[in-house]
């Protein structure tokens, strides 16, 4: 059993007089609000940590400047894409792990990796605490905090969604606008999006109502099948020891430099382009 130390809130503390906190930061709505909130509530000096796990072209552009504009002392970005694929994506793929028959665990597998490197940064800087933007009702808070407890039980943990007065993403939108912090989320599109090399998922807004279809505008990696070409595309994927190593007989960089190993049968997929409809960060 892990015991997680949570930091006591210091209401209206003077910014810069409190603990040094390393925040797991994406630049999205939640973490954009957390930076000024940590300063106001805990008097914290905030250093943001962002993990590059393949969020997509341009998503991390301007992140350092935005974090500093929000009140952070610095923002550290680490490229974890190779480690993410090698140590998390491929083992999950080899195991055939799928949650609830549909969810491919994209968010789940990225969190422990992010948290581990966040802890390393906190230890290197001599920080007093780590913080995350996970909601108080989901699994993500557990993934982050068990990693913190396993690797650095001495660090305090600040979980704003279990402390602050905000009750909704609409409250956060109003707060960050008052602070002059730009965010993509709006009252009409309040979604939380998590994207990496393996998947893209969304939550919030109309997606919380299971009787409603997800709106078309949230899909960023796929196309509606009704708008896709009618002709199927055949893609041949080669595997070695359970890892994909080639597409249409073109080897990946990793496989072309690896030593010879026993090849497994080639998998051939023949289908029209489809749209991934998963929207859960389970």
C-alpha atoms as a PDB file:
ATOM      1  CA  UNK A   1       0.000   0.000   0.000  1.00  0.00           C
ATOM      2  CA  UNK A   2       1.234   3.479  -0.853  1.00  0.00           C
ATOM      3  CA  UNK A   3       0.748   6.483   1.411  1.00  0.00           C
ATOM      4  CA  UNK A   4       0.570   9.730  -0.505  1.00  0.00           C
ATOM      5  CA  UNK A   5       1.396  13.007   1.235  1.00  0.00           C
ATOM      6  CA  UNK A   6      -0.903  15.841   0.259  1.00  0.00           C
ATOM      7  CA  UNK A   7       0.054  19.440   0.870  1.00  0.00           C
ATOM      8  CA  UNK A   8      -2.165  21.567   3.062  1.00  0.00           C
ATOM      9  CA  UNK A   9      -3.692  24.550   1.310  1.00  0.00           C
ATOM     10  CA  UNK A  10      -2.411  27.997   2.243  1.00  0.00           C
ATOM     11  CA  UNK A  11      -5.228  30.354   1.324  1.00  0.00           C
ATOM     12  CA  UNK A  12      -4.159  33.606  -0.313  1.00  0.00           C
ATOM     13  CA  UNK A  13      -0.453  32.994   0.241  1.00  0.00           C
ATOM     14  CA  UNK A  14       1.893  35.558  -1.285  1.00  0.00           C
ATOM     15  CA  UNK A  15       3.242  34.238  -4.640  1.00  0.00           C
ATOM     16  CA  UNK A  16       6.852  33.110  -4.456  1.00  0.00           C
ATOM     17  CA  UNK A  17       6.897  32.561  -0.708  1.00  0.00           C
ATOM     18  CA  UNK A  18       5.726  28.955  -0.717  1.00  0.00           C
ATOM     19  CA  UNK A  19       7.018  25.610  -1.955  1.00  0.00           C
ATOM     20  CA  UNK A  20       8.694  24.832  -5.251  1.00  0.00           C
ATOM     21  CA  UNK A  21       6.163  22.767  -7.194  1.00  0.00           C
ATOM     22  CA  UNK A  22       6.736  20.815 -10.424  1.00  0.00           C
ATOM     23  CA  UNK A  23       3.485  20.640 -12.358  1.00  0.00           C
ATOM     24  CA  UNK A  24       2.669  18.057 -15.023  1.00  0.00           C
ATOM     25  CA  UNK A  25       1.754  20.542 -17.730  1.00  0.00           C
ATOM     26  CA  UNK A  26       0.097  20.291 -21.121  1.00  0.00           C
ATOM     27  CA  UNK A  27      -0.931  23.881 -21.724  1.00  0.00           C
ATOM     28  CA  UNK A  28      -4.571  22.828 -21.865  1.00  0.00           C
ATOM     29  CA  UNK A  29      -7.381  24.375 -19.865  1.00  0.00           C
ATOM     30  CA  UNK A  30      -6.807  22.581 -16.553  1.00  0.00           C
ATOM     31  CA  UNK A  31      -3.052  23.077 -16.244  1.00  0.00           C
ATOM     32  CA  UNK A  32      -3.296  26.628 -17.598  1.00  0.00           C
ATOM     33  CA  UNK A  33      -5.550  27.401 -14.645  1.00  0.00           C
ATOM     34  CA  UNK A  34      -3.414  25.477 -12.160  1.00  0.00           C
ATOM     35  CA  UNK A  35      -0.285  27.634 -12.621  1.00  0.00           C
ATOM     36  CA  UNK A  36      -1.827  30.892 -11.333  1.00  0.00           C
ATOM     37  CA  UNK A  37      -3.940  28.980  -8.800  1.00  0.00           C
ATOM     38  CA  UNK A  38      -0.834  27.385  -7.261  1.00  0.00           C
ATOM     39  CA  UNK A  39       0.771  30.798  -6.971  1.00  0.00           C
ATOM     40  CA  UNK A  40      -2.296  32.392  -5.399  1.00  0.00           C
ATOM     41  CA  UNK A  41      -3.336  29.538  -3.106  1.00  0.00           C
ATOM     42  CA  UNK A  42      -0.013  27.990  -2.055  1.00  0.00           C
ATOM     43  CA  UNK A  43       2.318  30.904  -2.759  1.00  0.00           C
ATOM     44  CA  UNK A  44       4.161  28.399  -4.921  1.00  0.00           C
ATOM     45  CA  UNK A  45       7.052  28.837  -7.260  1.00  0.00           C
ATOM     46  CA  UNK A  46       5.950  26.750 -10.231  1.00  0.00           C
ATOM     47  CA  UNK A  47       8.075  24.861 -12.747  1.00  0.00           C
ATOM     48  CA  UNK A  48       6.088  23.155 -15.484  1.00  0.00           C
ATOM     49  CA  UNK A  49       7.045  19.788 -16.933  1.00  0.00           C
ATOM     50  CA  UNK A  50       5.729  18.637 -20.311  1.00  0.00           C
ATOM     51  CA  UNK A  51       6.317  15.235 -21.884  1.00  0.00           C
ATOM     52  CA  UNK A  52       6.515  14.966 -25.660  1.00  0.00           C
ATOM     53  CA  UNK A  53       4.800  11.655 -26.366  1.00  0.00           C
ATOM     54  CA  UNK A  54       3.826  12.524 -29.919  1.00  0.00           C
ATOM     55  CA  UNK A  55       0.941  14.912 -29.320  1.00  0.00           C
ATOM     56  CA  UNK A  56       1.055  16.100 -32.889  1.00  0.00           C
ATOM     57  CA  UNK A  57       2.649  18.732 -35.075  1.00  0.00           C
ATOM     58  CA  UNK A  58       2.686  22.136 -33.438  1.00  0.00           C
ATOM     59  CA  UNK A  59       0.941  21.169 -30.203  1.00  0.00           C
ATOM     60  CA  UNK A  60       3.988  21.927 -28.060  1.00  0.00           C
ATOM     61  CA  UNK A  61       4.909  25.093 -29.970  1.00  0.00           C
ATOM     62  CA  UNK A  62       4.952  28.127 -27.709  1.00  0.00           C
ATOM     63  CA  UNK A  63       4.405  26.013 -24.597  1.00  0.00           C
ATOM     64  CA  UNK A  64       7.358  27.435 -22.666  1.00  0.00           C
ATOM     65  CA  UNK A  65       6.305  31.012 -23.352  1.00  0.00           C
ATOM     66  CA  UNK A  66       2.719  30.248 -22.391  1.00  0.00           C
ATOM     67  CA  UNK A  67       3.742  28.627 -19.111  1.00  0.00           C
ATOM     68  CA  UNK A  68       5.867  31.620 -18.173  1.00  0.00           C
ATOM     69  CA  UNK A  69       3.095  34.007 -19.179  1.00  0.00           C
ATOM     70  CA  UNK A  70       0.811  32.086 -16.819  1.00  0.00           C
ATOM     71  CA  UNK A  71       3.248  32.685 -13.969  1.00  0.00           C
ATOM     72  CA  UNK A  72       5.583  29.684 -14.074  1.00  0.00           C
ATOM     73  CA  UNK A  73       9.290  30.213 -13.471  1.00  0.00           C
ATOM     74  CA  UNK A  74      10.187  27.770 -16.225  1.00  0.00           C
ATOM     75  CA  UNK A  75       8.826  24.992 -18.420  1.00  0.00           C
ATOM     76  CA  UNK A  76      10.865  21.870 -19.157  1.00  0.00           C
ATOM     77  CA  UNK A  77       9.933  19.740 -22.172  1.00  0.00           C
ATOM     78  CA  UNK A  78      11.415  16.264 -22.599  1.00  0.00           C
ATOM     79  CA  UNK A  79      11.156  14.143 -25.741  1.00  0.00           C
ATOM     80  CA  UNK A  80       9.896  10.773 -24.501  1.00  0.00           C
ATOM     81  CA  UNK A  81       8.555   9.425 -27.787  1.00  0.00           C
ATOM     82  CA  UNK A  82      11.069   6.620 -28.265  1.00  0.00           C
ATOM     83  CA  UNK A  83      10.788   5.464 -24.656  1.00  0.00           C
ATOM     84  CA  UNK A  84       6.994   5.662 -24.862  1.00  0.00           C
ATOM     85  CA  UNK A  85       6.811   3.433 -27.923  1.00  0.00           C
ATOM     86  CA  UNK A  86       9.559   1.005 -26.861  1.00  0.00           C
ATOM     87  CA  UNK A  87       8.596   0.485 -23.227  1.00  0.00           C
ATOM     88  CA  UNK A  88       4.848   1.135 -23.231  1.00  0.00           C
ATOM     89  CA  UNK A  89       3.164   1.020 -26.648  1.00  0.00           C
ATOM     90  CA  UNK A  90       4.866  -2.081 -28.053  1.00  0.00           C
ATOM     91  CA  UNK A  91       4.529  -4.194 -24.870  1.00  0.00           C
ATOM     92  CA  UNK A  92       0.837  -3.245 -24.704  1.00  0.00           C
ATOM     93  CA  UNK A  93       0.438  -4.134 -28.369  1.00  0.00           C
ATOM     94  CA  UNK A  94       2.184  -7.489 -27.887  1.00  0.00           C
ATOM     95  CA  UNK A  95      -0.137  -8.282 -24.993  1.00  0.00           C
ATOM     96  CA  UNK A  96      -3.208  -7.392 -27.023  1.00  0.00           C
ATOM     97  CA  UNK A  97      -4.381  -5.274 -24.094  1.00  0.00           C
ATOM     98  CA  UNK A  98      -7.710  -3.571 -24.713  1.00  0.00           C
ATOM     99  CA  UNK A  99      -9.915  -2.083 -21.993  1.00  0.00           C
ATOM    100  CA  UNK A 100     -13.682  -2.692 -22.177  1.00  0.00           C
ATOM    101  CA  UNK A 101     -13.211  -4.185 -25.676  1.00  0.00           C
ATOM    102  CA  UNK A 102     -12.740  -0.771 -27.325  1.00  0.00           C
ATOM    103  CA  UNK A 103     -10.251   1.453 -25.478  1.00  0.00           C
ATOM    104  CA  UNK A 104      -6.625   0.979 -26.507  1.00  0.00           C
ATOM    105  CA  UNK A 105      -5.175   2.435 -23.261  1.00  0.00           C
ATOM    106  CA  UNK A 106      -3.444   5.371 -24.939  1.00  0.00           C
ATOM    107  CA  UNK A 107      -3.909   7.756 -22.025  1.00  0.00           C
ATOM    108  CA  UNK A 108      -3.378   5.021 -19.442  1.00  0.00           C
ATOM    109  CA  UNK A 109       0.054   3.954 -20.617  1.00  0.00           C
ATOM    110  CA  UNK A 110       1.426   7.476 -21.045  1.00  0.00           C
ATOM    111  CA  UNK A 111       0.717   8.661 -17.489  1.00  0.00           C
ATOM    112  CA  UNK A 112       3.247   6.555 -15.536  1.00  0.00           C
ATOM    113  CA  UNK A 113       5.982   7.531 -17.996  1.00  0.00           C
ATOM    114  CA  UNK A 114       5.129  11.219 -17.698  1.00  0.00           C
ATOM    115  CA  UNK A 115       4.926  11.033 -13.917  1.00  0.00           C
ATOM    116  CA  UNK A 116       8.271   9.219 -13.625  1.00  0.00           C
ATOM    117  CA  UNK A 117      10.103  11.908 -15.575  1.00  0.00           C
ATOM    118  CA  UNK A 118       8.227  14.625 -13.681  1.00  0.00           C
ATOM    119  CA  UNK A 119       9.501  13.116 -10.429  1.00  0.00           C
ATOM    120  CA  UNK A 120      13.052  13.050 -11.804  1.00  0.00           C
ATOM    121  CA  UNK A 121      12.817  16.759 -12.628  1.00  0.00           C
ATOM    122  CA  UNK A 122      11.399  17.521  -9.169  1.00  0.00           C
ATOM    123  CA  UNK A 123      14.254  15.647  -7.490  1.00  0.00           C
ATOM    124  CA  UNK A 124      16.839  17.335  -9.683  1.00  0.00           C
ATOM    125  CA  UNK A 125      15.471  20.783  -8.812  1.00  0.00           C
ATOM    126  CA  UNK A 126      15.038  20.008  -5.129  1.00  0.00           C
ATOM    127  CA  UNK A 127      11.290  20.634  -5.336  1.00  0.00           C
ATOM    128  CA  UNK A 128       8.967  20.299  -2.372  1.00  0.00           C
ATOM    129  CA  UNK A 129       5.938  19.003  -4.251  1.00  0.00           C
ATOM    130  CA  UNK A 130       4.518  17.724  -7.511  1.00  0.00           C
ATOM    131  CA  UNK A 131       1.110  18.564  -8.956  1.00  0.00           C
ATOM    132  CA  UNK A 132      -1.191  17.291 -11.693  1.00  0.00           C
ATOM    133  CA  UNK A 133      -4.418  18.366 -13.359  1.00  0.00           C
ATOM    134  CA  UNK A 134      -6.360  15.102 -13.127  1.00  0.00           C
ATOM    135  CA  UNK A 135      -9.972  15.210 -12.037  1.00  0.00           C
ATOM    136  CA  UNK A 136     -10.976  13.867  -8.653  1.00  0.00           C
ATOM    137  CA  UNK A 137     -13.242  11.208 -10.107  1.00  0.00           C
ATOM    138  CA  UNK A 138     -11.085   9.386 -12.657  1.00  0.00           C
ATOM    139  CA  UNK A 139      -8.270   6.891 -12.970  1.00  0.00           C
ATOM    140  CA  UNK A 140      -5.583   9.356 -14.065  1.00  0.00           C
ATOM    141  CA  UNK A 141      -5.052  10.724 -10.559  1.00  0.00           C
ATOM    142  CA  UNK A 142      -4.249   7.182  -9.419  1.00  0.00           C
ATOM    143  CA  UNK A 143      -1.757   6.621 -12.239  1.00  0.00           C
ATOM    144  CA  UNK A 144       0.111   9.807 -11.408  1.00  0.00           C
ATOM    145  CA  UNK A 145       0.024   9.496  -7.652  1.00  0.00           C
ATOM    146  CA  UNK A 146       1.008   5.832  -7.427  1.00  0.00           C
ATOM    147  CA  UNK A 147       4.018   6.668  -9.589  1.00  0.00           C
ATOM    148  CA  UNK A 148       4.881   9.578  -7.301  1.00  0.00           C
ATOM    149  CA  UNK A 149       4.551   7.352  -4.229  1.00  0.00           C
ATOM    150  CA  UNK A 150       6.629   4.557  -5.723  1.00  0.00           C
ATOM    151  CA  UNK A 151       9.497   6.752  -6.904  1.00  0.00           C
ATOM    152  CA  UNK A 152       9.513   9.701  -4.498  1.00  0.00           C
ATOM    153  CA  UNK A 153       7.311   9.161  -1.427  1.00  0.00           C
ATOM    154  CA  UNK A 154       8.956  12.145   0.225  1.00  0.00           C
ATOM    155  CA  UNK A 155       7.378  14.595  -2.246  1.00  0.00           C
ATOM    156  CA  UNK A 156       4.145  16.312  -1.327  1.00  0.00           C
ATOM    157  CA  UNK A 157       1.273  16.007  -3.836  1.00  0.00           C
ATOM    158  CA  UNK A 158      -1.056  18.821  -4.838  1.00  0.00           C
ATOM    159  CA  UNK A 159      -4.219  17.760  -6.666  1.00  0.00           C
ATOM    160  CA  UNK A 160      -6.118  20.988  -7.431  1.00  0.00           C
ATOM    161  CA  UNK A 161      -9.308  19.302  -8.628  1.00  0.00           C
ATOM    162  CA  UNK A 162      -9.715  17.872  -5.121  1.00  0.00           C
ATOM    163  CA  UNK A 163      -9.075  21.245  -3.476  1.00  0.00           C
ATOM    164  CA  UNK A 164     -10.254  24.247  -5.413  1.00  0.00           C
ATOM    165  CA  UNK A 165     -13.662  25.905  -5.588  1.00  0.00           C
ATOM    166  CA  UNK A 166     -14.144  25.407  -9.328  1.00  0.00           C
ATOM    167  CA  UNK A 167     -16.958  23.006 -10.158  1.00  0.00           C
ATOM    168  CA  UNK A 168     -16.784  22.781 -13.949  1.00  0.00           C
ATOM    169  CA  UNK A 169     -14.684  23.441 -17.007  1.00  0.00           C
ATOM    170  CA  UNK A 170     -16.834  26.502 -17.631  1.00  0.00           C
ATOM    171  CA  UNK A 171     -15.615  27.874 -14.278  1.00  0.00           C
ATOM    172  CA  UNK A 172     -12.025  27.287 -15.378  1.00  0.00           C
ATOM    173  CA  UNK A 173     -12.594  29.015 -18.708  1.00  0.00           C
ATOM    174  CA  UNK A 174     -13.859  32.124 -16.892  1.00  0.00           C
ATOM    175  CA  UNK A 175     -10.887  32.000 -14.501  1.00  0.00           C
ATOM    176  CA  UNK A 176      -8.154  31.753 -17.147  1.00  0.00           C
ATOM    177  CA  UNK A 177      -9.792  34.467 -19.237  1.00  0.00           C
ATOM    178  CA  UNK A 178      -9.738  36.734 -16.188  1.00  0.00           C
ATOM    179  CA  UNK A 179      -6.024  35.959 -15.839  1.00  0.00           C
ATOM    180  CA  UNK A 180      -5.356  36.699 -19.506  1.00  0.00           C
ATOM    181  CA  UNK A 181      -4.206  33.140 -20.241  1.00  0.00           C
ATOM    182  CA  UNK A 182      -5.201  31.979 -23.756  1.00  0.00           C
ATOM    183  CA  UNK A 183      -6.769  28.512 -24.090  1.00  0.00           C
ATOM    184  CA  UNK A 184      -8.481  26.678 -26.930  1.00  0.00           C
ATOM    185  CA  UNK A 185     -11.429  25.517 -24.835  1.00  0.00           C
ATOM    186  CA  UNK A 186     -14.598  27.589 -24.983  1.00  0.00           C
ATOM    187  CA  UNK A 187     -17.992  27.350 -23.323  1.00  0.00           C
ATOM    188  CA  UNK A 188     -19.292  25.841 -26.576  1.00  0.00           C
ATOM    189  CA  UNK A 189     -16.348  23.434 -26.934  1.00  0.00           C
ATOM    190  CA  UNK A 190     -15.133  22.661 -23.412  1.00  0.00           C
ATOM    191  CA  UNK A 191     -13.482  19.360 -24.305  1.00  0.00           C
ATOM    192  CA  UNK A 192     -10.376  17.947 -22.721  1.00  0.00           C
ATOM    193  CA  UNK A 193      -8.211  16.282 -25.371  1.00  0.00           C
ATOM    194  CA  UNK A 194      -5.377  13.832 -24.821  1.00  0.00           C
ATOM    195  CA  UNK A 195      -3.290  12.918 -27.842  1.00  0.00           C
ATOM    196  CA  UNK A 196      -0.101  10.928 -28.313  1.00  0.00           C
ATOM    197  CA  UNK A 197       1.556   8.600 -30.836  1.00  0.00           C
ATOM    198  CA  UNK A 198      -0.909   5.827 -30.009  1.00  0.00           C
ATOM    199  CA  UNK A 199      -4.278   7.543 -29.793  1.00  0.00           C
ATOM    200  CA  UNK A 200      -6.414  10.638 -29.310  1.00  0.00           C
ATOM    201  CA  UNK A 201      -9.255  10.807 -26.785  1.00  0.00           C
ATOM    202  CA  UNK A 202     -11.670  13.497 -25.665  1.00  0.00           C
ATOM    203  CA  UNK A 203     -13.895  14.104 -22.660  1.00  0.00           C
ATOM    204  CA  UNK A 204     -16.177  16.815 -21.337  1.00  0.00           C
ATOM    205  CA  UNK A 205     -19.116  18.766 -22.677  1.00  0.00           C
ATOM    206  CA  UNK A 206     -21.690  16.844 -24.673  1.00  0.00           C
ATOM    207  CA  UNK A 207     -19.476  13.737 -24.500  1.00  0.00           C
ATOM    208  CA  UNK A 208     -20.632  13.257 -20.901  1.00  0.00           C
ATOM    209  CA  UNK A 209     -24.118  12.445 -22.227  1.00  0.00           C
ATOM    210  CA  UNK A 210     -24.126   8.856 -23.530  1.00  0.00           C
ATOM    211  CA  UNK A 211     -27.341   9.495 -25.465  1.00  0.00           C
ATOM    212  CA  UNK A 212     -25.576  12.003 -27.734  1.00  0.00           C
ATOM    213  CA  UNK A 213     -23.230  11.321 -30.639  1.00  0.00           C
ATOM    214  CA  UNK A 214     -19.794  12.880 -30.552  1.00  0.00           C
ATOM    215  CA  UNK A 215     -19.739  15.972 -32.798  1.00  0.00           C
ATOM    216  CA  UNK A 216     -17.677  15.722 -35.979  1.00  0.00           C
ATOM    217  CA  UNK A 217     -15.421  18.673 -35.178  1.00  0.00           C
ATOM    218  CA  UNK A 218     -13.612  16.895 -32.329  1.00  0.00           C
ATOM    219  CA  UNK A 219     -11.995  14.255 -34.547  1.00  0.00           C
ATOM    220  CA  UNK A 220      -8.433  15.246 -35.406  1.00  0.00           C
ATOM    221  CA  UNK A 221      -6.809  11.959 -36.523  1.00  0.00           C
ATOM    222  CA  UNK A 222      -9.618  10.247 -38.399  1.00  0.00           C
ATOM    223  CA  UNK A 223     -12.211  10.794 -41.105  1.00  0.00           C
ATOM    224  CA  UNK A 224     -15.900  10.003 -41.074  1.00  0.00           C
ATOM    225  CA  UNK A 225     -16.368   6.782 -43.108  1.00  0.00           C
ATOM    226  CA  UNK A 226     -19.154   8.512 -45.048  1.00  0.00           C
ATOM    227  CA  UNK A 227     -16.598  11.026 -46.307  1.00  0.00           C
ATOM    228  CA  UNK A 228     -13.848   8.484 -47.017  1.00  0.00           C
ATOM    229  CA  UNK A 229     -13.125   6.971 -50.462  1.00  0.00           C
ATOM    230  CA  UNK A 230     -15.319   4.032 -51.433  1.00  0.00           C
ATOM    231  CA  UNK A 231     -12.337   1.949 -52.565  1.00  0.00           C
ATOM    232  CA  UNK A 232     -10.617  -0.131 -49.867  1.00  0.00           C
ATOM    233  CA  UNK A 233      -6.919   0.163 -49.120  1.00  0.00           C
ATOM    234  CA  UNK A 234      -4.828  -2.925 -48.368  1.00  0.00           C
ATOM    235  CA  UNK A 235      -2.028  -2.397 -45.850  1.00  0.00           C
ATOM    236  CA  UNK A 236       0.484  -5.143 -45.075  1.00  0.00           C
ATOM    237  CA  UNK A 237       2.196  -4.931 -41.697  1.00  0.00           C
ATOM    238  CA  UNK A 238       5.225  -7.107 -40.937  1.00  0.00           C
ATOM    239  CA  UNK A 239       5.984  -8.262 -37.400  1.00  0.00           C
ATOM    240  CA  UNK A 240       9.058  -9.535 -35.601  1.00  0.00           C
ATOM    241  CA  UNK A 241       8.672 -10.964 -32.110  1.00  0.00           C
ATOM    242  CA  UNK A 242       5.316  -9.256 -31.783  1.00  0.00           C
ATOM    243  CA  UNK A 243       6.513  -5.794 -32.810  1.00  0.00           C
ATOM    244  CA  UNK A 244       5.471  -4.129 -36.074  1.00  0.00           C
ATOM    245  CA  UNK A 245       8.612  -3.635 -38.176  1.00  0.00           C
ATOM    246  CA  UNK A 246       7.410  -2.765 -41.669  1.00  0.00           C
ATOM    247  CA  UNK A 247       4.515  -1.305 -43.616  1.00  0.00           C
ATOM    248  CA  UNK A 248       3.973  -2.544 -47.168  1.00  0.00           C
ATOM    249  CA  UNK A 249       7.428  -4.190 -47.048  1.00  0.00           C
ATOM    250  CA  UNK A 250       9.147  -0.900 -46.151  1.00  0.00           C
ATOM    251  CA  UNK A 251      11.083  -1.514 -42.918  1.00  0.00           C
ATOM    252  CA  UNK A 252      10.981   0.913 -40.040  1.00  0.00           C
ATOM    253  CA  UNK A 253      14.194   2.574 -38.931  1.00  0.00           C
ATOM    254  CA  UNK A 254      14.254   0.460 -35.776  1.00  0.00           C
ATOM    255  CA  UNK A 255      13.841  -2.850 -37.585  1.00  0.00           C
ATOM    256  CA  UNK A 256      16.397  -2.087 -40.298  1.00  0.00           C
ATOM    257  CA  UNK A 257      19.077  -1.527 -37.672  1.00  0.00           C
ATOM    258  CA  UNK A 258      18.189  -4.449 -35.410  1.00  0.00           C
ATOM    259  CA  UNK A 259      19.761  -7.856 -35.522  1.00  0.00           C
ATOM    260  CA  UNK A 260      18.148 -10.799 -37.273  1.00  0.00           C
ATOM    261  CA  UNK A 261      15.353 -12.502 -35.395  1.00  0.00           C
ATOM    262  CA  UNK A 262      12.612 -14.955 -36.129  1.00  0.00           C
ATOM    263  CA  UNK A 263       9.844 -13.329 -38.110  1.00  0.00           C
ATOM    264  CA  UNK A 264       6.231 -13.950 -37.274  1.00  0.00           C
ATOM    265  CA  UNK A 265       3.566 -14.275 -39.979  1.00  0.00           C
ATOM    266  CA  UNK A 266       2.679 -11.074 -41.750  1.00  0.00           C
ATOM    267  CA  UNK A 267      -0.673  -9.518 -40.945  1.00  0.00           C
ATOM    268  CA  UNK A 268      -2.670  -8.085 -43.822  1.00  0.00           C
ATOM    269  CA  UNK A 269      -5.519  -5.657 -43.203  1.00  0.00           C
ATOM    270  CA  UNK A 270      -8.003  -4.874 -45.945  1.00  0.00           C
ATOM    271  CA  UNK A 271     -10.602  -2.271 -45.124  1.00  0.00           C
ATOM    272  CA  UNK A 272     -11.947   1.099 -46.078  1.00  0.00           C
ATOM    273  CA  UNK A 273     -10.635   3.950 -43.898  1.00  0.00           C
ATOM    274  CA  UNK A 274     -12.543   4.011 -40.640  1.00  0.00           C
ATOM    275  CA  UNK A 275     -13.090   6.552 -37.909  1.00  0.00           C
ATOM    276  CA  UNK A 276     -12.115   5.807 -34.324  1.00  0.00           C
ATOM    277  CA  UNK A 277     -15.043   6.691 -32.103  1.00  0.00           C
ATOM    278  CA  UNK A 278     -13.577   6.153 -28.675  1.00  0.00           C
ATOM    279  CA  UNK A 279     -13.893   9.162 -26.383  1.00  0.00           C
ATOM    280  CA  UNK A 280     -12.951   7.835 -22.963  1.00  0.00           C
ATOM    281  CA  UNK A 281      -9.757   8.450 -21.017  1.00  0.00           C
ATOM    282  CA  UNK A 282     -10.404   5.384 -18.898  1.00  0.00           C
END
